[in-house]
Amino acid sequence: MKKIAAAIMAMGVLFFAGCSKQSEVVKMGTNAAFPPFEYTQGTEVVGFDVTLSKLIAKDYGKELQVIDMSFDGLIAALNSGAIDFVAAGMTATEERRKNVDFSEPYYSSRQFIIIKKGNSKITCAADLKGKVIGVQAGTTGEMYVQDEVENADLKSFKNGIDASLALKNSAIDAIVLDELPSKEIVRRNPDLVLVEDDFYTEEYAIAVKKGNKTLLDSINKTIAAIKENGIYAQMTDAYMPLEGEIRIPVIEGLE
């Protein structure tokens, strides 16, 4: 009997040790094809949101685990418990607020149009009418085209990079995508150009499962702190340079 009890106790120790180890990790869900916010460098996912998430995890007292998945699956993964928060250049829309809680905003963006160089038929958003338009699935760009562009032939892609390949191959007429990823795609592809129009401003925020106030409060404290102590400015200078390529900032206390 004592041997059985000892075995059960040992199993209990292993079980709780496993739970303790799991509790030391906070899982960030993202879609790593959205530079400069999240993208791959070799086998590692990096970017503005990853650095921000490392700071969030550090302040939260946990190790960060980055989980890369399709953008349109992020909220479902959050609500199933597969991830703890979403950091993916996600706009805090009223529709999304029905399913998640959002942090304070950490970045303002808007939509841009990408076309092939030499395309004189698309000079503003109104010219998208009746065109074949590529978007990233689940994004506000997709919502804009669905709601605002008359007779659009909408083509949804896993990410903006896949959409850019379709544009280069003339499979679509244009892409509607967030500002900085659009600029990075054009920087990497000189045969593509940007079209700017008066799109509304969007606010990026971190999403957590509804009711997870402890994590949300910690995230908000981190966002406020880095804006106050200069780290946020350091991050924007590195990831969003006015000239030159994106770089990874060196921030004290982060590996």
C-alpha atoms as a PDB file:
ATOM      1  CA  MET A   1       0.000   0.000   0.000  1.00  0.00           C
ATOM      2  CA  LYS A   2       2.820   2.361   0.879  1.00  0.00           C
ATOM      3  CA  LYS A   3       4.479   1.609  -2.450  1.00  0.00           C
ATOM      4  CA  ILE A   4       1.262   2.420  -4.316  1.00  0.00           C
ATOM      5  CA  ALA A   5       0.805   5.632  -2.340  1.00  0.00           C
ATOM      6  CA  ALA A   6       4.403   6.601  -3.040  1.00  0.00           C
ATOM      7  CA  ALA A   7       3.902   5.949  -6.733  1.00  0.00           C
ATOM      8  CA  ILE A   8       0.760   8.074  -6.784  1.00  0.00           C
ATOM      9  CA  MET A   9       2.580  10.865  -4.960  1.00  0.00           C
ATOM     10  CA  ALA A  10       5.442  10.682  -7.446  1.00  0.00           C
ATOM     11  CA  MET A  11       2.994  10.900 -10.339  1.00  0.00           C
ATOM     12  CA  GLY A  12       1.387  13.886  -8.649  1.00  0.00           C
ATOM     13  CA  VAL A  13       4.754  15.600  -8.318  1.00  0.00           C
ATOM     14  CA  LEU A  14       5.451  15.028 -12.000  1.00  0.00           C
ATOM     15  CA  PHE A  15       1.985  16.270 -12.935  1.00  0.00           C
ATOM     16  CA  PHE A  16       2.289  19.456 -10.936  1.00  0.00           C
ATOM     17  CA  ALA A  17       5.857  19.967 -12.123  1.00  0.00           C
ATOM     18  CA  GLY A  18       4.524  19.757 -15.663  1.00  0.00           C
ATOM     19  CA  CYS A  19       1.783  22.259 -14.868  1.00  0.00           C
ATOM     20  CA  SER A  20       4.308  24.581 -13.256  1.00  0.00           C
ATOM     21  CA  LYS A  21       6.535  24.417 -16.301  1.00  0.00           C
ATOM     22  CA  GLN A  22       3.584  25.128 -18.580  1.00  0.00           C
ATOM     23  CA  SER A  23       2.558  28.107 -16.455  1.00  0.00           C
ATOM     24  CA  GLU A  24       5.976  29.677 -16.986  1.00  0.00           C
ATOM     25  CA  VAL A  25       5.151  30.223 -20.677  1.00  0.00           C
ATOM     26  CA  VAL A  26       2.849  32.812 -22.226  1.00  0.00           C
ATOM     27  CA  LYS A  27       1.860  32.072 -25.832  1.00  0.00           C
ATOM     28  CA  MET A  28       1.708  34.780 -28.469  1.00  0.00           C
ATOM     29  CA  GLY A  29      -0.273  34.002 -31.616  1.00  0.00           C
ATOM     30  CA  THR A  30       0.691  35.766 -34.834  1.00  0.00           C
ATOM     31  CA  ASN A  31       0.959  35.479 -38.604  1.00  0.00           C
ATOM     32  CA  ALA A  32       4.620  35.900 -39.491  1.00  0.00           C
ATOM     33  CA  ALA A  33       4.248  37.401 -42.951  1.00  0.00           C
ATOM     34  CA  PHE A  34       3.454  40.976 -42.020  1.00  0.00           C
ATOM     35  CA  PRO A  35       6.718  42.938 -41.902  1.00  0.00           C
ATOM     36  CA  PRO A  36       7.827  44.916 -39.985  1.00  0.00           C
ATOM     37  CA  PHE A  37       5.413  43.708 -37.300  1.00  0.00           C
ATOM     38  CA  GLU A  38       6.086  39.981 -37.679  1.00  0.00           C
ATOM     39  CA  TYR A  39       8.171  38.104 -40.215  1.00  0.00           C
ATOM     40  CA  THR A  40      10.704  35.295 -40.362  1.00  0.00           C
ATOM     41  CA  GLN A  41      14.453  35.675 -40.222  1.00  0.00           C
ATOM     42  CA  GLY A  42      15.895  32.258 -40.906  1.00  0.00           C
ATOM     43  CA  THR A  43      13.843  29.956 -38.658  1.00  0.00           C
ATOM     44  CA  GLU A  44      13.013  32.673 -36.112  1.00  0.00           C
ATOM     45  CA  VAL A  45       9.916  34.850 -36.017  1.00  0.00           C
ATOM     46  CA  VAL A  46      10.939  38.467 -35.407  1.00  0.00           C
ATOM     47  CA  GLY A  47       9.440  41.932 -35.732  1.00  0.00           C
ATOM     48  CA  PHE A  48       7.956  44.839 -33.833  1.00  0.00           C
ATOM     49  CA  ASP A  49       5.165  42.741 -32.320  1.00  0.00           C
ATOM     50  CA  VAL A  50       7.603  40.034 -31.264  1.00  0.00           C
ATOM     51  CA  THR A  51       9.831  42.521 -29.459  1.00  0.00           C
ATOM     52  CA  LEU A  52       6.762  44.066 -27.839  1.00  0.00           C
ATOM     53  CA  SER A  53       5.580  40.604 -26.811  1.00  0.00           C
ATOM     54  CA  LYS A  54       8.951  39.753 -25.285  1.00  0.00           C
ATOM     55  CA  LEU A  55       8.654  42.869 -23.146  1.00  0.00           C
ATOM     56  CA  ILE A  56       5.086  41.913 -22.232  1.00  0.00           C
ATOM     57  CA  ALA A  57       6.183  38.399 -21.250  1.00  0.00           C
ATOM     58  CA  LYS A  58       9.122  39.716 -19.214  1.00  0.00           C
ATOM     59  CA  ASP A  59       6.869  42.076 -17.246  1.00  0.00           C
ATOM     60  CA  TYR A  60       4.341  39.268 -16.833  1.00  0.00           C
ATOM     61  CA  GLY A  61       7.051  37.043 -15.359  1.00  0.00           C
ATOM     62  CA  LYS A  62       6.948  34.382 -18.063  1.00  0.00           C
ATOM     63  CA  GLU A  63       8.868  33.102 -21.077  1.00  0.00           C
ATOM     64  CA  LEU A  64       7.450  33.987 -24.491  1.00  0.00           C
ATOM     65  CA  GLN A  65       6.437  31.294 -26.947  1.00  0.00           C
ATOM     66  CA  VAL A  66       5.605  32.518 -30.458  1.00  0.00           C
ATOM     67  CA  ILE A  67       3.047  30.491 -32.405  1.00  0.00           C
ATOM     68  CA  ASP A  68       2.763  31.254 -36.125  1.00  0.00           C
ATOM     69  CA  MET A  69      -0.583  30.533 -37.792  1.00  0.00           C
ATOM     70  CA  SER A  70      -3.012  31.933 -40.350  1.00  0.00           C
ATOM     71  CA  PHE A  71      -4.306  35.388 -39.475  1.00  0.00           C
ATOM     72  CA  ASP A  72      -7.952  34.413 -39.858  1.00  0.00           C
ATOM     73  CA  GLY A  73      -7.501  31.608 -37.293  1.00  0.00           C
ATOM     74  CA  LEU A  74      -6.017  33.738 -34.516  1.00  0.00           C
ATOM     75  CA  ILE A  75      -9.188  34.690 -32.637  1.00  0.00           C
ATOM     76  CA  ALA A  76     -10.472  31.102 -32.681  1.00  0.00           C
ATOM     77  CA  ALA A  77      -7.101  29.915 -31.333  1.00  0.00           C
ATOM     78  CA  LEU A  78      -7.243  32.558 -28.606  1.00  0.00           C
ATOM     79  CA  ASN A  79     -10.721  31.573 -27.494  1.00  0.00           C
ATOM     80  CA  SER A  80      -9.867  27.859 -27.534  1.00  0.00           C
ATOM     81  CA  GLY A  81      -6.923  28.466 -25.206  1.00  0.00           C
ATOM     82  CA  ALA A  82      -4.287  27.450 -27.756  1.00  0.00           C
ATOM     83  CA  ILE A  83      -2.682  30.893 -27.348  1.00  0.00           C
ATOM     84  CA  ASP A  84      -2.802  33.505 -24.579  1.00  0.00           C
ATOM     85  CA  PHE A  85      -2.787  36.691 -26.648  1.00  0.00           C
ATOM     86  CA  VAL A  86      -2.685  37.888 -30.242  1.00  0.00           C
ATOM     87  CA  ALA A  87      -0.023  40.326 -31.438  1.00  0.00           C
ATOM     88  CA  ALA A  88      -0.332  40.479 -35.199  1.00  0.00           C
ATOM     89  CA  GLY A  89      -0.902  44.036 -36.359  1.00  0.00           C
ATOM     90  CA  MET A  90      -4.553  43.417 -35.507  1.00  0.00           C
ATOM     91  CA  THR A  91      -6.944  46.356 -35.725  1.00  0.00           C
ATOM     92  CA  ALA A  92      -9.272  46.724 -32.745  1.00  0.00           C
ATOM     93  CA  THR A  93     -12.561  46.745 -34.638  1.00  0.00           C
ATOM     94  CA  GLU A  94     -15.991  46.767 -32.995  1.00  0.00           C
ATOM     95  CA  GLU A  95     -16.788  43.425 -34.625  1.00  0.00           C
ATOM     96  CA  ARG A  96     -13.703  41.808 -33.089  1.00  0.00           C
ATOM     97  CA  ARG A  97     -14.492  43.339 -29.708  1.00  0.00           C
ATOM     98  CA  LYS A  98     -17.541  41.071 -29.578  1.00  0.00           C
ATOM     99  CA  ASN A  99     -15.185  38.086 -29.263  1.00  0.00           C
ATOM    100  CA  VAL A 100     -12.024  39.378 -27.552  1.00  0.00           C
ATOM    101  CA  ASP A 101     -10.787  42.098 -25.225  1.00  0.00           C
ATOM    102  CA  PHE A 102      -8.246  44.547 -26.629  1.00  0.00           C
ATOM    103  CA  SER A 103      -5.386  46.376 -24.984  1.00  0.00           C
ATOM    104  CA  GLU A 104      -4.788  50.070 -25.347  1.00  0.00           C
ATOM    105  CA  PRO A 105      -3.702  50.786 -28.948  1.00  0.00           C
ATOM    106  CA  TYR A 106       0.010  50.663 -29.675  1.00  0.00           C
ATOM    107  CA  TYR A 107       0.145  51.737 -33.335  1.00  0.00           C
ATOM    108  CA  SER A 108      -1.978  53.716 -35.823  1.00  0.00           C
ATOM    109  CA  SER A 109      -2.185  52.540 -39.421  1.00  0.00           C
ATOM    110  CA  ARG A 110      -4.295  52.788 -42.569  1.00  0.00           C
ATOM    111  CA  GLN A 111      -4.765  50.904 -45.820  1.00  0.00           C
ATOM    112  CA  PHE A 112      -2.698  51.329 -48.991  1.00  0.00           C
ATOM    113  CA  ILE A 113      -3.160  50.027 -52.518  1.00  0.00           C
ATOM    114  CA  ILE A 114      -0.377  48.154 -54.328  1.00  0.00           C
ATOM    115  CA  ILE A 115      -0.336  47.909 -58.130  1.00  0.00           C
ATOM    116  CA  LYS A 116       2.138  46.902 -60.823  1.00  0.00           C
ATOM    117  CA  LYS A 117       4.330  49.699 -62.108  1.00  0.00           C
ATOM    118  CA  GLY A 118       2.846  51.204 -65.255  1.00  0.00           C
ATOM    119  CA  ASN A 119      -0.774  50.506 -64.337  1.00  0.00           C
ATOM    120  CA  SER A 120      -2.445  53.855 -65.049  1.00  0.00           C
ATOM    121  CA  LYS A 121      -5.978  52.510 -64.527  1.00  0.00           C
ATOM    122  CA  ILE A 122      -5.779  52.557 -60.717  1.00  0.00           C
ATOM    123  CA  THR A 123      -4.877  55.937 -59.223  1.00  0.00           C
ATOM    124  CA  CYS A 124      -7.188  55.994 -56.180  1.00  0.00           C
ATOM    125  CA  ALA A 125      -9.587  53.805 -54.216  1.00  0.00           C
ATOM    126  CA  ALA A 126     -12.506  54.658 -56.530  1.00  0.00           C
ATOM    127  CA  ASP A 127     -10.645  52.987 -59.398  1.00  0.00           C
ATOM    128  CA  LEU A 128     -10.846  49.625 -57.616  1.00  0.00           C
ATOM    129  CA  LYS A 129     -14.463  49.260 -58.749  1.00  0.00           C
ATOM    130  CA  GLY A 130     -14.908  46.049 -60.742  1.00  0.00           C
ATOM    131  CA  LYS A 131     -11.250  45.062 -60.380  1.00  0.00           C
ATOM    132  CA  VAL A 132      -9.691  41.797 -59.170  1.00  0.00           C
ATOM    133  CA  ILE A 133      -8.355  42.717 -55.743  1.00  0.00           C
ATOM    134  CA  GLY A 134      -6.068  40.699 -53.490  1.00  0.00           C
ATOM    135  CA  VAL A 135      -6.270  40.936 -49.707  1.00  0.00           C
ATOM    136  CA  GLN A 136      -5.010  39.055 -46.670  1.00  0.00           C
ATOM    137  CA  ALA A 137      -7.791  36.833 -45.327  1.00  0.00           C
ATOM    138  CA  GLY A 138      -9.461  38.092 -42.170  1.00  0.00           C
ATOM    139  CA  THR A 139      -7.960  41.588 -42.278  1.00  0.00           C
ATOM    140  CA  THR A 140      -9.526  45.031 -42.366  1.00  0.00           C
ATOM    141  CA  GLY A 141      -8.336  45.280 -45.976  1.00  0.00           C
ATOM    142  CA  GLU A 142     -10.603  42.367 -46.804  1.00  0.00           C
ATOM    143  CA  MET A 143     -13.452  44.005 -44.866  1.00  0.00           C
ATOM    144  CA  TYR A 144     -12.923  47.289 -46.730  1.00  0.00           C
ATOM    145  CA  VAL A 145     -13.083  45.674 -50.158  1.00  0.00           C
ATOM    146  CA  GLN A 146     -16.163  43.625 -49.207  1.00  0.00           C
ATOM    147  CA  ASP A 147     -18.009  46.646 -47.828  1.00  0.00           C
ATOM    148  CA  GLU A 148     -16.816  49.562 -49.929  1.00  0.00           C
ATOM    149  CA  VAL A 149     -15.683  48.450 -53.388  1.00  0.00           C
ATOM    150  CA  GLU A 150     -18.487  47.941 -55.860  1.00  0.00           C
ATOM    151  CA  ASN A 151     -18.379  44.795 -58.019  1.00  0.00           C
ATOM    152  CA  ALA A 152     -14.956  43.808 -56.715  1.00  0.00           C
ATOM    153  CA  ASP A 153     -13.664  40.348 -57.567  1.00  0.00           C
ATOM    154  CA  LEU A 154     -12.157  39.621 -54.150  1.00  0.00           C
ATOM    155  CA  LYS A 155      -9.257  37.169 -53.871  1.00  0.00           C
ATOM    156  CA  SER A 156      -8.213  36.326 -50.301  1.00  0.00           C
ATOM    157  CA  PHE A 157      -4.667  35.131 -49.625  1.00  0.00           C
ATOM    158  CA  LYS A 158      -2.960  33.632 -46.604  1.00  0.00           C
ATOM    159  CA  ASN A 159      -0.764  36.735 -46.375  1.00  0.00           C
ATOM    160  CA  GLY A 160       0.278  39.872 -48.224  1.00  0.00           C
ATOM    161  CA  ILE A 161       3.420  38.278 -49.605  1.00  0.00           C
ATOM    162  CA  ASP A 162       1.379  35.596 -51.399  1.00  0.00           C
ATOM    163  CA  ALA A 163      -0.885  38.342 -52.744  1.00  0.00           C
ATOM    164  CA  SER A 164       2.145  40.231 -54.065  1.00  0.00           C
ATOM    165  CA  LEU A 165       3.260  37.165 -56.031  1.00  0.00           C
ATOM    166  CA  ALA A 166      -0.186  36.968 -57.611  1.00  0.00           C
ATOM    167  CA  LEU A 167       0.019  40.676 -58.480  1.00  0.00           C
ATOM    168  CA  LYS A 168       3.451  40.277 -60.057  1.00  0.00           C
ATOM    169  CA  ASN A 169       2.051  37.407 -62.143  1.00  0.00           C
ATOM    170  CA  SER A 170      -0.953  39.565 -63.224  1.00  0.00           C
ATOM    171  CA  ALA A 171      -3.426  37.193 -61.555  1.00  0.00           C
ATOM    172  CA  ILE A 172      -4.944  40.200 -59.738  1.00  0.00           C
ATOM    173  CA  ASP A 173      -5.130  43.924 -60.488  1.00  0.00           C
ATOM    174  CA  ALA A 174      -4.271  45.342 -57.069  1.00  0.00           C
ATOM    175  CA  ILE A 175      -3.771  44.606 -53.380  1.00  0.00           C
ATOM    176  CA  VAL A 176      -5.341  46.410 -50.426  1.00  0.00           C
ATOM    177  CA  LEU A 177      -3.136  46.013 -47.355  1.00  0.00           C
ATOM    178  CA  ASP A 178      -1.954  47.856 -44.250  1.00  0.00           C
ATOM    179  CA  GLU A 179       0.498  50.715 -44.722  1.00  0.00           C
ATOM    180  CA  LEU A 180       3.833  49.410 -43.436  1.00  0.00           C
ATOM    181  CA  PRO A 181       3.560  45.865 -44.844  1.00  0.00           C
ATOM    182  CA  SER A 182       2.583  47.472 -48.170  1.00  0.00           C
ATOM    183  CA  LYS A 183       5.660  49.697 -48.082  1.00  0.00           C
ATOM    184  CA  GLU A 184       7.913  46.749 -47.230  1.00  0.00           C
ATOM    185  CA  ILE A 185       6.485  44.646 -50.077  1.00  0.00           C
ATOM    186  CA  VAL A 186       7.104  47.491 -52.537  1.00  0.00           C
ATOM    187  CA  ARG A 187      10.605  48.061 -51.153  1.00  0.00           C
ATOM    188  CA  ARG A 188      11.404  44.418 -51.884  1.00  0.00           C
ATOM    189  CA  ASN A 189       9.695  44.445 -55.306  1.00  0.00           C
ATOM    190  CA  PRO A 190      10.687  47.427 -57.489  1.00  0.00           C
ATOM    191  CA  ASP A 191       8.166  46.412 -60.161  1.00  0.00           C
ATOM    192  CA  LEU A 192       5.352  47.261 -57.732  1.00  0.00           C
ATOM    193  CA  VAL A 193       4.215  50.723 -56.595  1.00  0.00           C
ATOM    194  CA  LEU A 194       1.950  52.215 -53.955  1.00  0.00           C
ATOM    195  CA  VAL A 195      -1.274  54.146 -54.422  1.00  0.00           C
ATOM    196  CA  GLU A 196      -2.262  56.293 -51.459  1.00  0.00           C
ATOM    197  CA  ASP A 197      -5.815  57.411 -50.745  1.00  0.00           C
ATOM    198  CA  ASP A 198      -7.812  58.825 -47.869  1.00  0.00           C
ATOM    199  CA  PHE A 199      -8.428  55.591 -45.952  1.00  0.00           C
ATOM    200  CA  TYR A 200      -9.566  55.817 -42.337  1.00  0.00           C
ATOM    201  CA  THR A 201      -7.047  55.415 -39.506  1.00  0.00           C
ATOM    202  CA  GLU A 202      -6.918  52.058 -37.716  1.00  0.00           C
ATOM    203  CA  GLU A 203      -5.551  51.271 -34.258  1.00  0.00           C
ATOM    204  CA  TYR A 204      -3.507  48.112 -33.657  1.00  0.00           C
ATOM    205  CA  ALA A 205      -3.951  46.477 -30.254  1.00  0.00           C
ATOM    206  CA  ILE A 206      -3.167  43.218 -28.433  1.00  0.00           C
ATOM    207  CA  ALA A 207      -6.103  40.805 -28.127  1.00  0.00           C
ATOM    208  CA  VAL A 208      -6.732  38.571 -25.111  1.00  0.00           C
ATOM    209  CA  LYS A 209      -9.551  36.186 -24.283  1.00  0.00           C
ATOM    210  CA  LYS A 210     -12.592  37.976 -22.907  1.00  0.00           C
ATOM    211  CA  GLY A 211     -12.362  38.378 -19.139  1.00  0.00           C
ATOM    212  CA  ASN A 212      -8.594  37.825 -18.877  1.00  0.00           C
ATOM    213  CA  LYS A 213      -8.159  41.055 -16.932  1.00  0.00           C
ATOM    214  CA  THR A 214      -4.891  40.051 -15.235  1.00  0.00           C
ATOM    215  CA  LEU A 215      -3.042  39.599 -18.515  1.00  0.00           C
ATOM    216  CA  LEU A 216      -4.751  42.595 -20.131  1.00  0.00           C
ATOM    217  CA  ASP A 217      -3.789  44.916 -17.265  1.00  0.00           C
ATOM    218  CA  SER A 218      -0.183  43.704 -17.453  1.00  0.00           C
ATOM    219  CA  ILE A 219      -0.081  44.274 -21.229  1.00  0.00           C
ATOM    220  CA  ASN A 220      -1.447  47.799 -20.837  1.00  0.00           C
ATOM    221  CA  LYS A 221       1.164  48.581 -18.182  1.00  0.00           C
ATOM    222  CA  THR A 222       3.944  47.405 -20.506  1.00  0.00           C
ATOM    223  CA  ILE A 223       2.656  49.488 -23.435  1.00  0.00           C
ATOM    224  CA  ALA A 224       2.395  52.590 -21.228  1.00  0.00           C
ATOM    225  CA  ALA A 225       5.856  51.993 -19.735  1.00  0.00           C
ATOM    226  CA  ILE A 226       7.722  51.627 -23.041  1.00  0.00           C
ATOM    227  CA  LYS A 227       6.091  54.769 -24.412  1.00  0.00           C
ATOM    228  CA  GLU A 228       7.259  56.598 -21.304  1.00  0.00           C
ATOM    229  CA  ASN A 229      10.808  55.228 -20.999  1.00  0.00           C
ATOM    230  CA  GLY A 230      11.858  55.611 -24.645  1.00  0.00           C
ATOM    231  CA  ILE A 231      11.896  51.933 -25.631  1.00  0.00           C
ATOM    232  CA  TYR A 232       8.876  52.404 -27.922  1.00  0.00           C
ATOM    233  CA  ALA A 233      10.716  55.149 -29.833  1.00  0.00           C
ATOM    234  CA  GLN A 234      13.764  52.892 -30.065  1.00  0.00           C
ATOM    235  CA  MET A 235      11.581  50.134 -31.536  1.00  0.00           C
ATOM    236  CA  THR A 236       9.892  52.371 -34.108  1.00  0.00           C
ATOM    237  CA  ASP A 237      13.247  53.814 -35.195  1.00  0.00           C
ATOM    238  CA  ALA A 238      14.554  50.281 -35.798  1.00  0.00           C
ATOM    239  CA  TYR A 239      11.518  48.597 -37.326  1.00  0.00           C
ATOM    240  CA  MET A 240      10.093  51.589 -39.179  1.00  0.00           C
ATOM    241  CA  PRO A 241      13.098  53.545 -40.485  1.00  0.00           C
ATOM    242  CA  LEU A 242      12.431  56.502 -42.755  1.00  0.00           C
ATOM    243  CA  GLU A 243      15.342  55.300 -44.853  1.00  0.00           C
ATOM    244  CA  GLY A 244      17.188  51.994 -44.979  1.00  0.00           C
ATOM    245  CA  GLU A 245      16.234  48.463 -44.029  1.00  0.00           C
ATOM    246  CA  ILE A 246      14.430  47.132 -40.978  1.00  0.00           C
ATOM    247  CA  ARG A 247      16.707  46.118 -38.134  1.00  0.00           C
ATOM    248  CA  ILE A 248      16.226  44.373 -34.806  1.00  0.00           C
ATOM    249  CA  PRO A 249      16.753  46.787 -31.899  1.00  0.00           C
ATOM    250  CA  VAL A 250      19.010  45.837 -28.996  1.00  0.00           C
ATOM    251  CA  ILE A 251      16.997  46.344 -25.828  1.00  0.00           C
ATOM    252  CA  GLU A 252      18.526  45.832 -22.409  1.00  0.00           C
ATOM    253  CA  GLY A 253      17.118  42.822 -20.632  1.00  0.00           C
ATOM    254  CA  LEU A 254      15.975  41.040 -23.807  1.00  0.00           C
ATOM    255  CA  GLU A 255      17.927  38.325 -25.544  1.00  0.00           C
END
